[in-house]
Amino acid sequence: MPLKVCGECYKAFHPNRRGETVICPQCLTVLNERRSSVRSQSDRKLELVVDGIFMAAMALDSSERGIGIAYENEPMVKGAIVNVARDGWEKKGVVVWSKRINGALSASGLRII
């Protein structure tokens, strides 16, 4: 289980379960859980449009509010707006994080807007 650090009292603790409200056992501060919705693993192919350029990508995981993707290219810039399409579904997303996985692959997290 991952270790959490309270932003109020700065004490470390292990939360009870994922997906529940996280409360610091020392000072009873309610912590904001960034991923409150369930994420499901995926391996669907996606089409992205970034700054007018089409890219192929693979969905790694998804939730109601976001999607993790992998693609061949340089990591996308944090804050960039991306059009995402798959199986007749099309949405806009904003890049929340990006990193290089290896020499040719990068991964990013998109928040659906």
PDB file of N, CA and C in Angstrom:
ATOM      1  N   MET A   1       0.830  -1.161   0.000  1.00  0.00           N
ATOM      2  CA  MET A   1       0.000   0.000   0.000  1.00  0.00           C
ATOM      3  C   MET A   1       0.890   1.245   0.000  1.00  0.00           C
ATOM      4  N   PRO A   2       0.525   2.280  -0.796  1.00  0.00           N
ATOM      5  CA  PRO A   2       1.373   3.469  -0.865  1.00  0.00           C
ATOM      6  C   PRO A   2       1.318   4.283   0.419  1.00  0.00           C
ATOM      7  N   LEU A   3       2.394   4.952   0.687  1.00  0.00           N
ATOM      8  CA  LEU A   3       2.510   5.795   1.870  1.00  0.00           C
ATOM      9  C   LEU A   3       2.040   7.199   1.511  1.00  0.00           C
ATOM     10  N   LYS A   4       1.234   7.818   2.360  1.00  0.00           N
ATOM     11  CA  LYS A   4       0.772   9.189   2.163  1.00  0.00           C
ATOM     12  C   LYS A   4       1.424  10.072   3.216  1.00  0.00           C
ATOM     13  N   VAL A   5       1.591  11.346   2.893  1.00  0.00           N
ATOM     14  CA  VAL A   5       2.093  12.327   3.853  1.00  0.00           C
ATOM     15  C   VAL A   5       1.038  13.418   3.962  1.00  0.00           C
ATOM     16  N   CYS A   6       0.614  13.683   5.175  1.00  0.00           N
ATOM     17  CA  CYS A   6      -0.400  14.699   5.430  1.00  0.00           C
ATOM     18  C   CYS A   6       0.176  16.083   5.135  1.00  0.00           C
ATOM     19  N   GLY A   7      -0.577  16.911   4.424  1.00  0.00           N
ATOM     20  CA  GLY A   7      -0.142  18.267   4.111  1.00  0.00           C
ATOM     21  C   GLY A   7      -0.293  19.223   5.279  1.00  0.00           C
ATOM     22  N   GLU A   8      -0.999  18.802   6.314  1.00  0.00           N
ATOM     23  CA  GLU A   8      -1.225  19.650   7.479  1.00  0.00           C
ATOM     24  C   GLU A   8      -0.189  19.386   8.579  1.00  0.00           C
ATOM     25  N   CYS A   9      -0.060  18.118   9.006  1.00  0.00           N
ATOM     26  CA  CYS A   9       0.855  17.790  10.118  1.00  0.00           C
ATOM     27  C   CYS A   9       2.168  17.148   9.634  1.00  0.00           C
ATOM     28  N   TYR A  10       2.254  16.852   8.326  1.00  0.00           N
ATOM     29  CA  TYR A  10       3.453  16.283   7.704  1.00  0.00           C
ATOM     30  C   TYR A  10       3.850  14.920   8.259  1.00  0.00           C
ATOM     31  N   LYS A  11       2.895  14.164   8.783  1.00  0.00           N
ATOM     32  CA  LYS A  11       3.170  12.806   9.277  1.00  0.00           C
ATOM     33  C   LYS A  11       2.775  11.815   8.187  1.00  0.00           C
ATOM     34  N   ALA A  12       3.568  10.749   8.056  1.00  0.00           N
ATOM     35  CA  ALA A  12       3.311   9.720   7.043  1.00  0.00           C
ATOM     36  C   ALA A  12       2.378   8.653   7.611  1.00  0.00           C
ATOM     37  N   PHE A  13       1.548   8.077   6.718  1.00  0.00           N
ATOM     38  CA  PHE A  13       0.640   7.011   7.117  1.00  0.00           C
ATOM     39  C   PHE A  13       0.217   6.226   5.880  1.00  0.00           C
ATOM     40  N   HIS A  14      -0.333   5.047   6.096  1.00  0.00           N
ATOM     41  CA  HIS A  14      -0.886   4.225   5.023  1.00  0.00           C
ATOM     42  C   HIS A  14      -2.400   4.397   5.028  1.00  0.00           C
ATOM     43  N   PRO A  15      -3.004   4.873   3.909  1.00  0.00           N
ATOM     44  CA  PRO A  15      -4.456   5.028   3.877  1.00  0.00           C
ATOM     45  C   PRO A  15      -5.150   3.667   3.916  1.00  0.00           C
ATOM     46  N   ASN A  16      -6.411   3.660   4.339  1.00  0.00           N
ATOM     47  CA  ASN A  16      -7.166   2.409   4.457  1.00  0.00           C
ATOM     48  C   ASN A  16      -7.338   1.727   3.110  1.00  0.00           C
ATOM     49  N   ARG A  17      -8.056   2.343   2.198  1.00  0.00           N
ATOM     50  CA  ARG A  17      -8.302   1.768   0.882  1.00  0.00           C
ATOM     51  C   ARG A  17      -8.338   2.859  -0.160  1.00  0.00           C
ATOM     52  N   ARG A  18      -8.012   2.497  -1.383  1.00  0.00           N
ATOM     53  CA  ARG A  18      -8.044   3.445  -2.488  1.00  0.00           C
ATOM     54  C   ARG A  18      -9.482   3.708  -2.891  1.00  0.00           C
ATOM     55  N   GLY A  19      -9.784   4.923  -3.300  1.00  0.00           N
ATOM     56  CA  GLY A  19     -11.111   5.269  -3.753  1.00  0.00           C
ATOM     57  C   GLY A  19     -11.988   5.836  -2.645  1.00  0.00           C
ATOM     58  N   GLU A  20     -11.581   5.676  -1.385  1.00  0.00           N
ATOM     59  CA  GLU A  20     -12.328   6.253  -0.278  1.00  0.00           C
ATOM     60  C   GLU A  20     -11.718   7.601   0.075  1.00  0.00           C
ATOM     61  N   THR A  21     -12.454   8.396   0.833  1.00  0.00           N
ATOM     62  CA  THR A  21     -11.918   9.651   1.323  1.00  0.00           C
ATOM     63  C   THR A  21     -10.740   9.332   2.236  1.00  0.00           C
ATOM     64  N   VAL A  22      -9.632  10.015   2.017  1.00  0.00           N
ATOM     65  CA  VAL A  22      -8.427   9.772   2.810  1.00  0.00           C
ATOM     66  C   VAL A  22      -8.379  10.794   3.934  1.00  0.00           C
ATOM     67  N   ILE A  23      -8.302  10.298   5.166  1.00  0.00           N
ATOM     68  CA  ILE A  23      -8.255  11.150   6.348  1.00  0.00           C
ATOM     69  C   ILE A  23      -6.989  10.823   7.127  1.00  0.00           C
ATOM     70  N   CYS A  24      -6.221  11.855   7.479  1.00  0.00           N
ATOM     71  CA  CYS A  24      -5.002  11.660   8.263  1.00  0.00           C
ATOM     72  C   CYS A  24      -5.383  11.139   9.647  1.00  0.00           C
ATOM     73  N   PRO A  25      -4.821  10.003  10.077  1.00  0.00           N
ATOM     74  CA  PRO A  25      -5.167   9.459  11.385  1.00  0.00           C
ATOM     75  C   PRO A  25      -4.594  10.269  12.557  1.00  0.00           C
ATOM     76  N   GLN A  26      -3.577  11.113  12.306  1.00  0.00           N
ATOM     77  CA  GLN A  26      -2.978  11.892  13.388  1.00  0.00           C
ATOM     78  C   GLN A  26      -3.760  13.182  13.671  1.00  0.00           C
ATOM     79  N   CYS A  27      -4.088  13.942  12.607  1.00  0.00           N
ATOM     80  CA  CYS A  27      -4.728  15.251  12.825  1.00  0.00           C
ATOM     81  C   CYS A  27      -6.142  15.327  12.249  1.00  0.00           C
ATOM     82  N   LEU A  28      -6.616  14.254  11.593  1.00  0.00           N
ATOM     83  CA  LEU A  28      -7.968  14.138  11.027  1.00  0.00           C
ATOM     84  C   LEU A  28      -8.254  15.100   9.884  1.00  0.00           C
ATOM     85  N   THR A  29      -7.201  15.554   9.203  1.00  0.00           N
ATOM     86  CA  THR A  29      -7.369  16.391   8.026  1.00  0.00           C
ATOM     87  C   THR A  29      -7.807  15.524   6.851  1.00  0.00           C
ATOM     88  N   VAL A  30      -8.817  15.987   6.096  1.00  0.00           N
ATOM     89  CA  VAL A  30      -9.269  15.281   4.903  1.00  0.00           C
ATOM     90  C   VAL A  30      -8.340  15.675   3.762  1.00  0.00           C
ATOM     91  N   LEU A  31      -7.728  14.678   3.124  1.00  0.00           N
ATOM     92  CA  LEU A  31      -6.797  14.933   2.030  1.00  0.00           C
ATOM     93  C   LEU A  31      -7.508  14.784   0.703  1.00  0.00           C
ATOM     94  N   ASN A  32      -7.148  15.622  -0.250  1.00  0.00           N
ATOM     95  CA  ASN A  32      -7.712  15.512  -1.587  1.00  0.00           C
ATOM     96  C   ASN A  32      -7.086  14.334  -2.298  1.00  0.00           C
ATOM     97  N   GLU A  33      -7.904  13.428  -2.794  1.00  0.00           N
ATOM     98  CA  GLU A  33      -7.415  12.282  -3.555  1.00  0.00           C
ATOM     99  C   GLU A  33      -7.500  12.655  -5.028  1.00  0.00           C
ATOM    100  N   ARG A  34      -6.367  12.730  -5.712  1.00  0.00           N
ATOM    101  CA  ARG A  34      -6.338  13.159  -7.112  1.00  0.00           C
ATOM    102  C   ARG A  34      -7.113  12.218  -8.010  1.00  0.00           C
ATOM    103  N   ARG A  35      -7.023  10.928  -7.788  1.00  0.00           N
ATOM    104  CA  ARG A  35      -7.717   9.967  -8.635  1.00  0.00           C
ATOM    105  C   ARG A  35      -8.888   9.371  -7.873  1.00  0.00           C
ATOM    106  N   SER A  36      -9.999  10.056  -7.907  1.00  0.00           N
ATOM    107  CA  SER A  36     -11.165   9.596  -7.167  1.00  0.00           C
ATOM    108  C   SER A  36     -11.990   8.598  -7.964  1.00  0.00           C
ATOM    109  N   SER A  37     -11.838   8.563  -9.292  1.00  0.00           N
ATOM    110  CA  SER A  37     -12.612   7.622 -10.097  1.00  0.00           C
ATOM    111  C   SER A  37     -11.778   6.387 -10.422  1.00  0.00           C
ATOM    112  N   VAL A  38     -12.461   5.300 -10.665  1.00  0.00           N
ATOM    113  CA  VAL A  38     -11.809   4.028 -10.958  1.00  0.00           C
ATOM    114  C   VAL A  38     -11.167   4.083 -12.335  1.00  0.00           C
ATOM    115  N   ARG A  39      -9.948   3.574 -12.439  1.00  0.00           N
ATOM    116  CA  ARG A  39      -9.251   3.527 -13.724  1.00  0.00           C
ATOM    117  C   ARG A  39      -9.254   2.093 -14.222  1.00  0.00           C
ATOM    118  N   SER A  40      -9.541   1.914 -15.505  1.00  0.00           N
ATOM    119  CA  SER A  40      -9.537   0.578 -16.084  1.00  0.00           C
ATOM    120  C   SER A  40      -8.410   0.470 -17.105  1.00  0.00           C
ATOM    121  N   GLN A  41      -7.772  -0.684 -17.127  1.00  0.00           N
ATOM    122  CA  GLN A  41      -6.685  -0.928 -18.075  1.00  0.00           C
ATOM    123  C   GLN A  41      -7.254  -0.998 -19.489  1.00  0.00           C
ATOM    124  N   SER A  42      -6.467  -0.613 -20.466  1.00  0.00           N
ATOM    125  CA  SER A  42      -6.932  -0.584 -21.849  1.00  0.00           C
ATOM    126  C   SER A  42      -5.773  -0.876 -22.779  1.00  0.00           C
ATOM    127  N   ASP A  43      -6.095  -1.262 -23.980  1.00  0.00           N
ATOM    128  CA  ASP A  43      -5.089  -1.406 -25.027  1.00  0.00           C
ATOM    129  C   ASP A  43      -5.685  -0.984 -26.368  1.00  0.00           C
ATOM    130  N   ARG A  44      -6.575  -0.009 -26.328  1.00  0.00           N
ATOM    131  CA  ARG A  44      -7.236   0.484 -27.539  1.00  0.00           C
ATOM    132  C   ARG A  44      -6.343   1.450 -28.300  1.00  0.00           C
ATOM    133  N   LYS A  45      -6.455   1.390 -29.602  1.00  0.00           N
ATOM    134  CA  LYS A  45      -5.732   2.330 -30.447  1.00  0.00           C
ATOM    135  C   LYS A  45      -6.513   3.636 -30.516  1.00  0.00           C
ATOM    136  N   LEU A  46      -5.787   4.739 -30.496  1.00  0.00           N
ATOM    137  CA  LEU A  46      -6.370   6.069 -30.538  1.00  0.00           C
ATOM    138  C   LEU A  46      -5.756   6.874 -31.663  1.00  0.00           C
ATOM    139  N   GLU A  47      -6.470   7.891 -32.088  1.00  0.00           N
ATOM    140  CA  GLU A  47      -5.928   8.878 -33.011  1.00  0.00           C
ATOM    141  C   GLU A  47      -5.893  10.200 -32.279  1.00  0.00           C
ATOM    142  N   LEU A  48      -4.760  10.862 -32.323  1.00  0.00           N
ATOM    143  CA  LEU A  48      -4.589  12.152 -31.664  1.00  0.00           C
ATOM    144  C   LEU A  48      -4.327  13.222 -32.703  1.00  0.00           C
ATOM    145  N   VAL A  49      -4.791  14.431 -32.415  1.00  0.00           N
ATOM    146  CA  VAL A  49      -4.418  15.597 -33.212  1.00  0.00           C
ATOM    147  C   VAL A  49      -3.815  16.596 -32.236  1.00  0.00           C
ATOM    148  N   VAL A  50      -2.520  16.851 -32.433  1.00  0.00           N
ATOM    149  CA  VAL A  50      -1.779  17.776 -31.579  1.00  0.00           C
ATOM    150  C   VAL A  50      -1.193  18.866 -32.463  1.00  0.00           C
ATOM    151  N   ASP A  51      -1.621  20.091 -32.261  1.00  0.00           N
ATOM    152  CA  ASP A  51      -1.157  21.227 -33.082  1.00  0.00           C
ATOM    153  C   ASP A  51      -1.317  20.941 -34.575  1.00  0.00           C
ATOM    154  N   GLY A  52      -2.447  20.338 -34.969  1.00  0.00           N
ATOM    155  CA  GLY A  52      -2.738  20.047 -36.370  1.00  0.00           C
ATOM    156  C   GLY A  52      -2.026  18.831 -36.929  1.00  0.00           C
ATOM    157  N   ILE A  53      -1.268  18.108 -36.119  1.00  0.00           N
ATOM    158  CA  ILE A  53      -0.524  16.926 -36.560  1.00  0.00           C
ATOM    159  C   ILE A  53      -1.216  15.674 -36.031  1.00  0.00           C
ATOM    160  N   PHE A  54      -1.498  14.722 -36.932  1.00  0.00           N
ATOM    161  CA  PHE A  54      -2.118  13.455 -36.551  1.00  0.00           C
ATOM    162  C   PHE A  54      -1.071  12.501 -35.996  1.00  0.00           C
ATOM    163  N   MET A  55      -1.426  11.800 -34.915  1.00  0.00           N
ATOM    164  CA  MET A  55      -0.529  10.815 -34.304  1.00  0.00           C
ATOM    165  C   MET A  55      -1.344   9.591 -33.922  1.00  0.00           C
ATOM    166  N   ALA A  56      -0.726   8.433 -34.031  1.00  0.00           N
ATOM    167  CA  ALA A  56      -1.337   7.204 -33.515  1.00  0.00           C
ATOM    168  C   ALA A  56      -0.863   7.014 -32.084  1.00  0.00           C
ATOM    169  N   ALA A  57      -1.749   6.502 -31.234  1.00  0.00           N
ATOM    170  CA  ALA A  57      -1.402   6.274 -29.829  1.00  0.00           C
ATOM    171  C   ALA A  57      -2.136   5.044 -29.333  1.00  0.00           C
ATOM    172  N   MET A  58      -1.730   4.570 -28.169  1.00  0.00           N
ATOM    173  CA  MET A  58      -2.368   3.425 -27.520  1.00  0.00           C
ATOM    174  C   MET A  58      -2.840   3.888 -26.148  1.00  0.00           C
ATOM    175  N   ALA A  59      -4.101   3.602 -25.837  1.00  0.00           N
ATOM    176  CA  ALA A  59      -4.616   3.918 -24.501  1.00  0.00           C
ATOM    177  C   ALA A  59      -4.049   2.901 -23.521  1.00  0.00           C
ATOM    178  N   LEU A  60      -3.506   3.365 -22.416  1.00  0.00           N
ATOM    179  CA  LEU A  60      -2.973   2.481 -21.379  1.00  0.00           C
ATOM    180  C   LEU A  60      -4.011   2.218 -20.296  1.00  0.00           C
ATOM    181  N   ASP A  61      -4.693   3.278 -19.897  1.00  0.00           N
ATOM    182  CA  ASP A  61      -5.777   3.161 -18.917  1.00  0.00           C
ATOM    183  C   ASP A  61      -6.702   4.359 -19.102  1.00  0.00           C
ATOM    184  N   SER A  62      -7.916   4.252 -18.571  1.00  0.00           N
ATOM    185  CA  SER A  62      -8.861   5.345 -18.725  1.00  0.00           C
ATOM    186  C   SER A  62      -9.825   5.375 -17.541  1.00  0.00           C
ATOM    187  N   SER A  63     -10.429   6.540 -17.356  1.00  0.00           N
ATOM    188  CA  SER A  63     -11.444   6.739 -16.333  1.00  0.00           C
ATOM    189  C   SER A  63     -12.465   7.717 -16.902  1.00  0.00           C
ATOM    190  N   GLU A  64     -13.420   8.130 -16.096  1.00  0.00           N
ATOM    191  CA  GLU A  64     -14.415   9.097 -16.549  1.00  0.00           C
ATOM    192  C   GLU A  64     -13.772  10.419 -16.924  1.00  0.00           C
ATOM    193  N   ARG A  65     -12.723  10.797 -16.219  1.00  0.00           N
ATOM    194  CA  ARG A  65     -12.142  12.121 -16.386  1.00  0.00           C
ATOM    195  C   ARG A  65     -10.795  12.158 -17.088  1.00  0.00           C
ATOM    196  N   GLY A  66     -10.189  11.013 -17.392  1.00  0.00           N
ATOM    197  CA  GLY A  66      -8.870  11.057 -17.994  1.00  0.00           C
ATOM    198  C   GLY A  66      -8.478   9.780 -18.692  1.00  0.00           C
ATOM    199  N   ILE A  67      -7.337   9.860 -19.354  1.00  0.00           N
ATOM    200  CA  ILE A  67      -6.826   8.710 -20.098  1.00  0.00           C
ATOM    201  C   ILE A  67      -5.299   8.765 -20.115  1.00  0.00           C
ATOM    202  N   GLY A  68      -4.663   7.620 -19.916  1.00  0.00           N
ATOM    203  CA  GLY A  68      -3.212   7.505 -20.029  1.00  0.00           C
ATOM    204  C   GLY A  68      -2.884   6.939 -21.399  1.00  0.00           C
ATOM    205  N   ILE A  69      -1.935   7.525 -22.094  1.00  0.00           N
ATOM    206  CA  ILE A  69      -1.618   7.101 -23.457  1.00  0.00           C
ATOM    207  C   ILE A  69      -0.122   6.889 -23.637  1.00  0.00           C
ATOM    208  N   ALA A  70       0.228   6.070 -24.625  1.00  0.00           N
ATOM    209  CA  ALA A  70       1.616   5.873 -25.051  1.00  0.00           C
ATOM    210  C   ALA A  70       1.664   6.110 -26.554  1.00  0.00           C
ATOM    211  N   TYR A  71       2.785   6.645 -27.028  1.00  0.00           N
ATOM    212  CA  TYR A  71       2.903   7.004 -28.439  1.00  0.00           C
ATOM    213  C   TYR A  71       4.367   7.126 -28.821  1.00  0.00           C
ATOM    214  N   GLU A  72       4.625   7.085 -30.126  1.00  0.00           N
ATOM    215  CA  GLU A  72       5.979   7.285 -30.639  1.00  0.00           C
ATOM    216  C   GLU A  72       6.138   8.754 -30.980  1.00  0.00           C
ATOM    217  N   ASN A  73       6.989   9.422 -30.254  1.00  0.00           N
ATOM    218  CA  ASN A  73       7.274  10.826 -30.513  1.00  0.00           C
ATOM    219  C   ASN A  73       7.903  11.421 -29.269  1.00  0.00           C
ATOM    220  N   GLU A  74       8.246  12.681 -29.331  1.00  0.00           N
ATOM    221  CA  GLU A  74       8.727  13.394 -28.153  1.00  0.00           C
ATOM    222  C   GLU A  74       7.564  13.547 -27.171  1.00  0.00           C
ATOM    223  N   PRO A  75       7.846  13.651 -25.870  1.00  0.00           N
ATOM    224  CA  PRO A  75       6.763  13.881 -24.916  1.00  0.00           C
ATOM    225  C   PRO A  75       6.029  15.181 -25.228  1.00  0.00           C
ATOM    226  N   MET A  76       4.703  15.147 -25.098  1.00  0.00           N
ATOM    227  CA  MET A  76       3.898  16.335 -25.342  1.00  0.00           C
ATOM    228  C   MET A  76       4.127  17.353 -24.234  1.00  0.00           C
ATOM    229  N   VAL A  77       3.890  18.606 -24.541  1.00  0.00           N
ATOM    230  CA  VAL A  77       4.081  19.699 -23.588  1.00  0.00           C
ATOM    231  C   VAL A  77       2.909  19.730 -22.609  1.00  0.00           C
ATOM    232  N   LYS A  78       3.217  19.835 -21.322  1.00  0.00           N
ATOM    233  CA  LYS A  78       2.184  19.936 -20.296  1.00  0.00           C
ATOM    234  C   LYS A  78       1.313  21.154 -20.588  1.00  0.00           C
ATOM    235  N   GLY A  79      -0.006  20.971 -20.555  1.00  0.00           N
ATOM    236  CA  GLY A  79      -0.945  22.049 -20.833  1.00  0.00           C
ATOM    237  C   GLY A  79      -1.436  22.093 -22.267  1.00  0.00           C
ATOM    238  N   ALA A  80      -0.814  21.305 -23.161  1.00  0.00           N
ATOM    239  CA  ALA A  80      -1.240  21.288 -24.562  1.00  0.00           C
ATOM    240  C   ALA A  80      -2.649  20.707 -24.682  1.00  0.00           C
ATOM    241  N   ILE A  81      -3.431  21.226 -25.621  1.00  0.00           N
ATOM    242  CA  ILE A  81      -4.770  20.717 -25.892  1.00  0.00           C
ATOM    243  C   ILE A  81      -4.664  19.693 -27.013  1.00  0.00           C
ATOM    244  N   VAL A  82      -5.297  18.525 -26.798  1.00  0.00           N
ATOM    245  CA  VAL A  82      -5.189  17.401 -27.722  1.00  0.00           C
ATOM    246  C   VAL A  82      -6.597  16.927 -28.086  1.00  0.00           C
ATOM    247  N   ASN A  83      -6.835  16.669 -29.366  1.00  0.00           N
ATOM    248  CA  ASN A  83      -8.073  16.021 -29.790  1.00  0.00           C
ATOM    249  C   ASN A  83      -7.829  14.522 -29.780  1.00  0.00           C
ATOM    250  N   VAL A  84      -8.721  13.770 -29.127  1.00  0.00           N
ATOM    251  CA  VAL A  84      -8.583  12.322 -28.998  1.00  0.00           C
ATOM    252  C   VAL A  84      -9.785  11.667 -29.640  1.00  0.00           C
ATOM    253  N   ALA A  85      -9.554  10.667 -30.510  1.00  0.00           N
ATOM    254  CA  ALA A  85     -10.661   9.959 -31.168  1.00  0.00           C
ATOM    255  C   ALA A  85     -10.422   8.454 -31.123  1.00  0.00           C
ATOM    256  N   ARG A  86     -11.524   7.708 -30.893  1.00  0.00           N
ATOM    257  CA  ARG A  86     -11.485   6.255 -30.961  1.00  0.00           C
ATOM    258  C   ARG A  86     -12.900   5.734 -31.146  1.00  0.00           C
ATOM    259  N   ASP A  87     -13.084   4.795 -32.024  1.00  0.00           N
ATOM    260  CA  ASP A  87     -14.361   4.107 -32.215  1.00  0.00           C
ATOM    261  C   ASP A  87     -15.564   5.049 -32.236  1.00  0.00           C
ATOM    262  N   GLY A  88     -15.503   6.133 -32.987  1.00  0.00           N
ATOM    263  CA  GLY A  88     -16.611   7.063 -33.072  1.00  0.00           C
ATOM    264  C   GLY A  88     -16.730   8.029 -31.903  1.00  0.00           C
ATOM    265  N   TRP A  89     -15.830   7.933 -30.943  1.00  0.00           N
ATOM    266  CA  TRP A  89     -15.815   8.800 -29.760  1.00  0.00           C
ATOM    267  C   TRP A  89     -14.746   9.844 -29.979  1.00  0.00           C
ATOM    268  N   GLU A  90     -15.087  11.119 -29.771  1.00  0.00           N
ATOM    269  CA  GLU A  90     -14.098  12.181 -29.948  1.00  0.00           C
ATOM    270  C   GLU A  90     -14.232  13.201 -28.827  1.00  0.00           C
ATOM    271  N   LYS A  91     -13.126  13.504 -28.172  1.00  0.00           N
ATOM    272  CA  LYS A  91     -13.102  14.450 -27.059  1.00  0.00           C
ATOM    273  C   LYS A  91     -11.834  15.292 -27.144  1.00  0.00           C
ATOM    274  N   LYS A  92     -11.826  16.369 -26.370  1.00  0.00           N
ATOM    275  CA  LYS A  92     -10.617  17.171 -26.206  1.00  0.00           C
ATOM    276  C   LYS A  92     -10.034  16.843 -24.840  1.00  0.00           C
ATOM    277  N   GLY A  93      -8.723  16.883 -24.769  1.00  0.00           N
ATOM    278  CA  GLY A  93      -8.035  16.644 -23.509  1.00  0.00           C
ATOM    279  C   GLY A  93      -6.900  17.627 -23.333  1.00  0.00           C
ATOM    280  N   VAL A  94      -6.501  17.811 -22.091  1.00  0.00           N
ATOM    281  CA  VAL A  94      -5.354  18.649 -21.790  1.00  0.00           C
ATOM    282  C   VAL A  94      -4.270  17.749 -21.195  1.00  0.00           C
ATOM    283  N   VAL A  95      -3.037  17.940 -21.620  1.00  0.00           N
ATOM    284  CA  VAL A  95      -1.919  17.133 -21.138  1.00  0.00           C
ATOM    285  C   VAL A  95      -1.599  17.556 -19.702  1.00  0.00           C
ATOM    286  N   VAL A  96      -1.702  16.594 -18.777  1.00  0.00           N
ATOM    287  CA  VAL A  96      -1.434  16.852 -17.367  1.00  0.00           C
ATOM    288  C   VAL A  96       0.009  16.505 -17.031  1.00  0.00           C
ATOM    289  N   TRP A  97       0.536  15.442 -17.620  1.00  0.00           N
ATOM    290  CA  TRP A  97       1.929  15.048 -17.428  1.00  0.00           C
ATOM    291  C   TRP A  97       2.408  14.335 -18.679  1.00  0.00           C
ATOM    292  N   SER A  98       3.714  14.332 -18.910  1.00  0.00           N
ATOM    293  CA  SER A  98       4.348  13.641 -20.040  1.00  0.00           C
ATOM    294  C   SER A  98       5.734  13.198 -19.637  1.00  0.00           C
ATOM    295  N   LYS A  99       6.140  12.041 -20.156  1.00  0.00           N
ATOM    296  CA  LYS A  99       7.500  11.575 -19.897  1.00  0.00           C
ATOM    297  C   LYS A  99       7.954  10.643 -21.017  1.00  0.00           C
ATOM    298  N   ARG A 100       9.247  10.542 -21.166  1.00  0.00           N
ATOM    299  CA  ARG A 100       9.861   9.623 -22.119  1.00  0.00           C
ATOM    300  C   ARG A 100       9.900   8.250 -21.468  1.00  0.00           C
ATOM    301  N   ILE A 101       9.426   7.213 -22.175  1.00  0.00           N
ATOM    302  CA  ILE A 101       9.466   5.849 -21.657  1.00  0.00           C
ATOM    303  C   ILE A 101      10.780   5.190 -22.032  1.00  0.00           C
ATOM    304  N   ASN A 102      11.139   5.293 -23.295  1.00  0.00           N
ATOM    305  CA  ASN A 102      12.428   4.783 -23.779  1.00  0.00           C
ATOM    306  C   ASN A 102      12.824   5.611 -24.994  1.00  0.00           C
ATOM    307  N   GLY A 103      13.772   5.151 -25.789  1.00  0.00           N
ATOM    308  CA  GLY A 103      14.274   5.924 -26.918  1.00  0.00           C
ATOM    309  C   GLY A 103      13.223   6.395 -27.903  1.00  0.00           C
ATOM    310  N   ALA A 104      12.196   5.597 -28.166  1.00  0.00           N
ATOM    311  CA  ALA A 104      11.207   5.956 -29.175  1.00  0.00           C
ATOM    312  C   ALA A 104       9.837   6.256 -28.600  1.00  0.00           C
ATOM    313  N   LEU A 105       9.519   5.760 -27.415  1.00  0.00           N
ATOM    314  CA  LEU A 105       8.173   5.895 -26.863  1.00  0.00           C
ATOM    315  C   LEU A 105       8.083   6.939 -25.758  1.00  0.00           C
ATOM    316  N   SER A 106       6.928   7.598 -25.722  1.00  0.00           N
ATOM    317  CA  SER A 106       6.604   8.545 -24.656  1.00  0.00           C
ATOM    318  C   SER A 106       5.234   8.189 -24.110  1.00  0.00           C
ATOM    319  N   ALA A 107       4.928   8.695 -22.937  1.00  0.00           N
ATOM    320  CA  ALA A 107       3.616   8.491 -22.329  1.00  0.00           C
ATOM    321  C   ALA A 107       3.132   9.813 -21.775  1.00  0.00           C
ATOM    322  N   SER A 108       1.802   9.981 -21.766  1.00  0.00           N
ATOM    323  CA  SER A 108       1.198  11.206 -21.231  1.00  0.00           C
ATOM    324  C   SER A 108      -0.105  10.864 -20.542  1.00  0.00           C
ATOM    325  N   GLY A 109      -0.496  11.714 -19.627  1.00  0.00           N
ATOM    326  CA  GLY A 109      -1.788  11.630 -18.988  1.00  0.00           C
ATOM    327  C   GLY A 109      -2.628  12.793 -19.454  1.00  0.00           C
ATOM    328  N   LEU A 110      -3.836  12.498 -19.940  1.00  0.00           N
ATOM    329  CA  LEU A 110      -4.732  13.544 -20.429  1.00  0.00           C
ATOM    330  C   LEU A 110      -5.949  13.648 -19.534  1.00  0.00           C
ATOM    331  N   ARG A 111      -6.341  14.858 -19.207  1.00  0.00           N
ATOM    332  CA  ARG A 111      -7.602  15.090 -18.502  1.00  0.00           C
ATOM    333  C   ARG A 111      -8.606  15.520 -19.550  1.00  0.00           C
ATOM    334  N   ILE A 112      -9.740  14.818 -19.607  1.00  0.00           N
ATOM    335  CA  ILE A 112     -10.773  15.131 -20.590  1.00  0.00           C
ATOM    336  C   ILE A 112     -11.445  16.446 -20.204  1.00  0.00           C
ATOM    337  N   ILE A 113     -11.590  17.326 -21.206  1.00  0.00           N
ATOM    338  CA  ILE A 113     -12.234  18.635 -20.950  1.00  0.00           C
ATOM    339  C   ILE A 113     -13.465  18.792 -21.817  1.00  0.00           C
TER     340      ILE A 113
END
